[in-house]
Amino acid sequence: MAAAEERRRADMGYDGPSDYSSTLARISAWSSAAGMQTSPENAPDTLLLGGEVLVLDVALLPEPTVHASYAGSAAEGRHSPAMDAFFSRLVSDVSKGGDGRRLRDALEYMMRLDNLAKREGNAGARWFDEVEALAKELARFTQEEVAVLAQ
């Protein structure tokens, strides 16, 4: 059993204990594996994850939240509420003991977008703008479908 657990942790990119106190360490290891730079913030239980364009500010207390922002020529420090909500759900799952597979996959995907955005310079923010636009359109569509089904 110990060998299987050790292998599982190695597959996850983090070889420390799997408890609540290690949540930031696990997220840090996963984001580093995805190609992000990580640094602890001044406040306890917070972590800053950064790519070339994308920045994720992770806080565990009072509840797990993530603030996503990205650079772009039209408005530096653009904010993405849809990405905030998405990553906050994933971090919350990890803080409750989840294996973090969805978070690791999302970090890897976001770093692919970050690399595409970096190649395009200031126009590269579109990779994140489009994610936000799709999230808004999906929410609108879902609300319309709920209304139709309610009738």
Protein backbone atom coordinates (compact mmCIF):
# COMPACT_ATOMS: atom_id res chain seq x y z
CA MET A 1 0.00 0.00 0.00
CA ALA A 2 2.80 2.41 0.86
CA ALA A 3 4.44 1.87 -2.53
CA ALA A 4 1.14 2.48 -4.33
CA GLU A 5 0.52 5.68 -2.35
CA GLU A 6 4.06 6.87 -3.09
CA ARG A 7 3.53 6.19 -6.80
CA ARG A 8 0.19 8.03 -6.73
CA ARG A 9 1.81 11.08 -5.14
CA ALA A 10 4.64 10.97 -7.68
CA ASP A 11 2.10 10.87 -10.51
CA MET A 12 0.43 13.96 -9.04
CA GLY A 13 3.69 15.95 -9.08
CA TYR A 14 3.72 16.39 -5.31
CA ASP A 15 5.33 14.02 -2.85
CA GLY A 16 4.29 15.57 0.48
CA PRO A 17 1.41 14.68 2.77
CA SER A 18 -2.13 14.94 1.44
CA ASP A 19 -3.88 17.00 4.12
CA TYR A 20 -5.42 20.47 4.35
CA SER A 21 -2.18 22.08 5.53
CA SER A 22 -0.45 21.00 2.34
CA THR A 23 -3.00 22.50 -0.08
CA LEU A 24 -0.82 25.47 -1.05
CA ALA A 25 2.25 23.24 -1.38
CA ARG A 26 0.35 20.92 -3.72
CA ILE A 27 -1.00 23.81 -5.80
CA SER A 28 2.49 25.31 -5.95
CA ALA A 29 3.99 22.01 -7.15
CA TRP A 30 1.28 21.51 -9.77
CA SER A 31 1.53 25.06 -11.09
CA SER A 32 5.33 24.81 -11.29
CA ALA A 33 4.95 21.54 -13.22
CA ALA A 34 2.61 23.38 -15.62
CA GLY A 35 5.27 26.05 -16.19
CA MET A 36 4.05 28.80 -13.88
CA GLN A 37 6.16 30.76 -11.46
CA THR A 38 4.92 30.56 -7.89
CA SER A 39 5.52 32.78 -4.93
CA PRO A 40 3.89 33.06 -1.52
CA GLU A 41 2.10 36.32 -0.75
CA ASN A 42 2.52 38.41 2.39
CA ALA A 43 -0.79 37.20 3.82
CA PRO A 44 -0.84 33.69 5.24
CA ASP A 45 -2.52 30.96 3.21
CA THR A 46 -2.10 32.82 -0.09
CA LEU A 47 -0.09 32.07 -3.19
CA LEU A 48 0.61 33.98 -6.40
CA LEU A 49 0.87 31.93 -9.62
CA GLY A 50 2.12 33.60 -12.75
CA GLY A 51 2.71 32.93 -16.39
CA GLU A 52 3.90 35.51 -18.91
CA VAL A 53 0.41 36.99 -19.31
CA LEU A 54 -1.84 35.21 -16.80
CA VAL A 55 -1.73 35.72 -13.01
CA LEU A 56 -3.72 33.69 -10.48
CA ASP A 57 -3.93 34.94 -6.89
CA VAL A 58 -4.95 32.00 -4.67
CA ALA A 59 -6.26 32.47 -1.13
CA LEU A 60 -7.50 29.68 1.13
CA LEU A 61 -9.01 31.71 3.96
CA PRO A 62 -11.73 32.50 4.83
CA GLU A 63 -12.74 30.23 1.95
CA PRO A 64 -10.80 29.13 -1.13
CA THR A 65 -10.89 31.86 -3.77
CA VAL A 66 -8.89 32.61 -6.88
CA HIS A 67 -8.56 35.99 -8.58
CA ALA A 68 -7.50 35.63 -12.22
CA SER A 69 -6.11 38.52 -14.24
CA TYR A 70 -4.14 38.93 -17.42
CA ALA A 71 -2.32 41.66 -19.32
CA GLY A 72 -3.52 43.19 -22.55
CA SER A 73 -3.19 46.45 -24.45
CA ALA A 74 -6.81 47.59 -24.05
CA ALA A 75 -6.89 47.38 -20.25
CA GLU A 76 -3.85 46.21 -18.31
CA GLY A 77 -4.74 43.89 -15.47
CA ARG A 78 -7.93 42.58 -17.05
CA HIS A 79 -10.11 40.63 -14.68
CA SER A 80 -11.98 37.43 -15.48
CA PRO A 81 -14.91 36.62 -13.16
CA ALA A 82 -15.64 33.36 -15.01
CA MET A 83 -12.08 32.13 -14.49
CA ASP A 84 -12.26 33.28 -10.85
CA ALA A 85 -15.32 31.12 -10.24
CA PHE A 86 -13.93 28.15 -12.15
CA PHE A 87 -10.55 28.11 -10.42
CA SER A 88 -12.12 28.83 -7.02
CA ARG A 89 -14.23 25.67 -7.37
CA LEU A 90 -11.16 23.63 -8.31
CA VAL A 91 -9.07 24.98 -5.42
CA SER A 92 -11.96 24.39 -3.03
CA ASP A 93 -12.06 20.75 -4.14
CA VAL A 94 -8.32 20.40 -3.49
CA SER A 95 -8.63 22.04 -0.06
CA LYS A 96 -11.28 19.42 0.82
CA GLY A 97 -8.88 16.61 -0.03
CA GLY A 98 -9.57 16.13 -3.73
CA ASP A 99 -6.80 14.71 -5.89
CA GLY A 100 -6.54 17.93 -7.92
CA ARG A 101 -6.55 16.29 -11.34
CA ARG A 102 -8.99 18.84 -12.76
CA LEU A 103 -6.95 21.71 -11.29
CA ARG A 104 -3.72 20.32 -12.76
CA ASP A 105 -5.37 19.91 -16.17
CA ALA A 106 -6.77 23.46 -16.01
CA LEU A 107 -3.38 24.93 -15.05
CA GLU A 108 -1.72 23.13 -17.95
CA TYR A 109 -4.42 24.36 -20.36
CA MET A 110 -4.13 27.94 -19.11
CA MET A 111 -0.38 27.83 -19.61
CA ARG A 112 -0.94 26.74 -23.21
CA LEU A 113 -3.15 29.81 -23.64
CA ASP A 114 -0.52 31.90 -21.83
CA ASN A 115 2.13 30.77 -24.33
CA LEU A 116 -0.15 31.59 -27.27
CA ALA A 117 -0.91 35.00 -25.75
CA LYS A 118 2.79 35.71 -25.18
CA ARG A 119 3.57 34.99 -28.85
CA GLU A 120 0.97 37.50 -30.00
CA GLY A 121 2.11 40.34 -27.75
CA ASN A 122 -0.61 42.79 -26.69
CA ALA A 123 -3.14 41.15 -29.02
CA GLY A 124 -2.66 37.86 -27.14
CA ALA A 125 -5.12 38.82 -24.42
CA ARG A 126 -7.81 37.62 -26.83
CA TRP A 127 -7.11 34.04 -25.71
CA PHE A 128 -8.41 34.94 -22.26
CA ASP A 129 -11.05 37.41 -23.47
CA GLU A 130 -12.61 34.63 -25.53
CA VAL A 131 -12.78 32.30 -22.52
CA GLU A 132 -14.65 35.02 -20.63
CA ALA A 133 -16.96 35.72 -23.59
CA LEU A 134 -17.75 32.01 -23.97
CA ALA A 135 -18.54 31.73 -20.25
CA LYS A 136 -20.96 34.67 -20.47
CA GLU A 137 -22.65 33.23 -23.57
CA LEU A 138 -22.97 29.82 -21.93
CA ALA A 139 -24.56 31.39 -18.83
CA ARG A 140 -27.03 33.32 -21.01
CA PHE A 141 -27.90 30.19 -22.99
CA THR A 142 -28.37 28.16 -19.81
CA GLN A 143 -30.72 30.76 -18.36
CA GLU A 144 -32.80 30.75 -21.54
CA GLU A 145 -32.98 26.95 -21.51
CA VAL A 146 -34.10 26.95 -17.87
CA ALA A 147 -36.84 29.43 -18.72
CA VAL A 148 -38.02 27.33 -21.66
CA LEU A 149 -38.00 24.13 -19.60
CA ALA A 150 -39.92 25.86 -16.80
CA GLN A 151 -42.74 26.64 -19.23
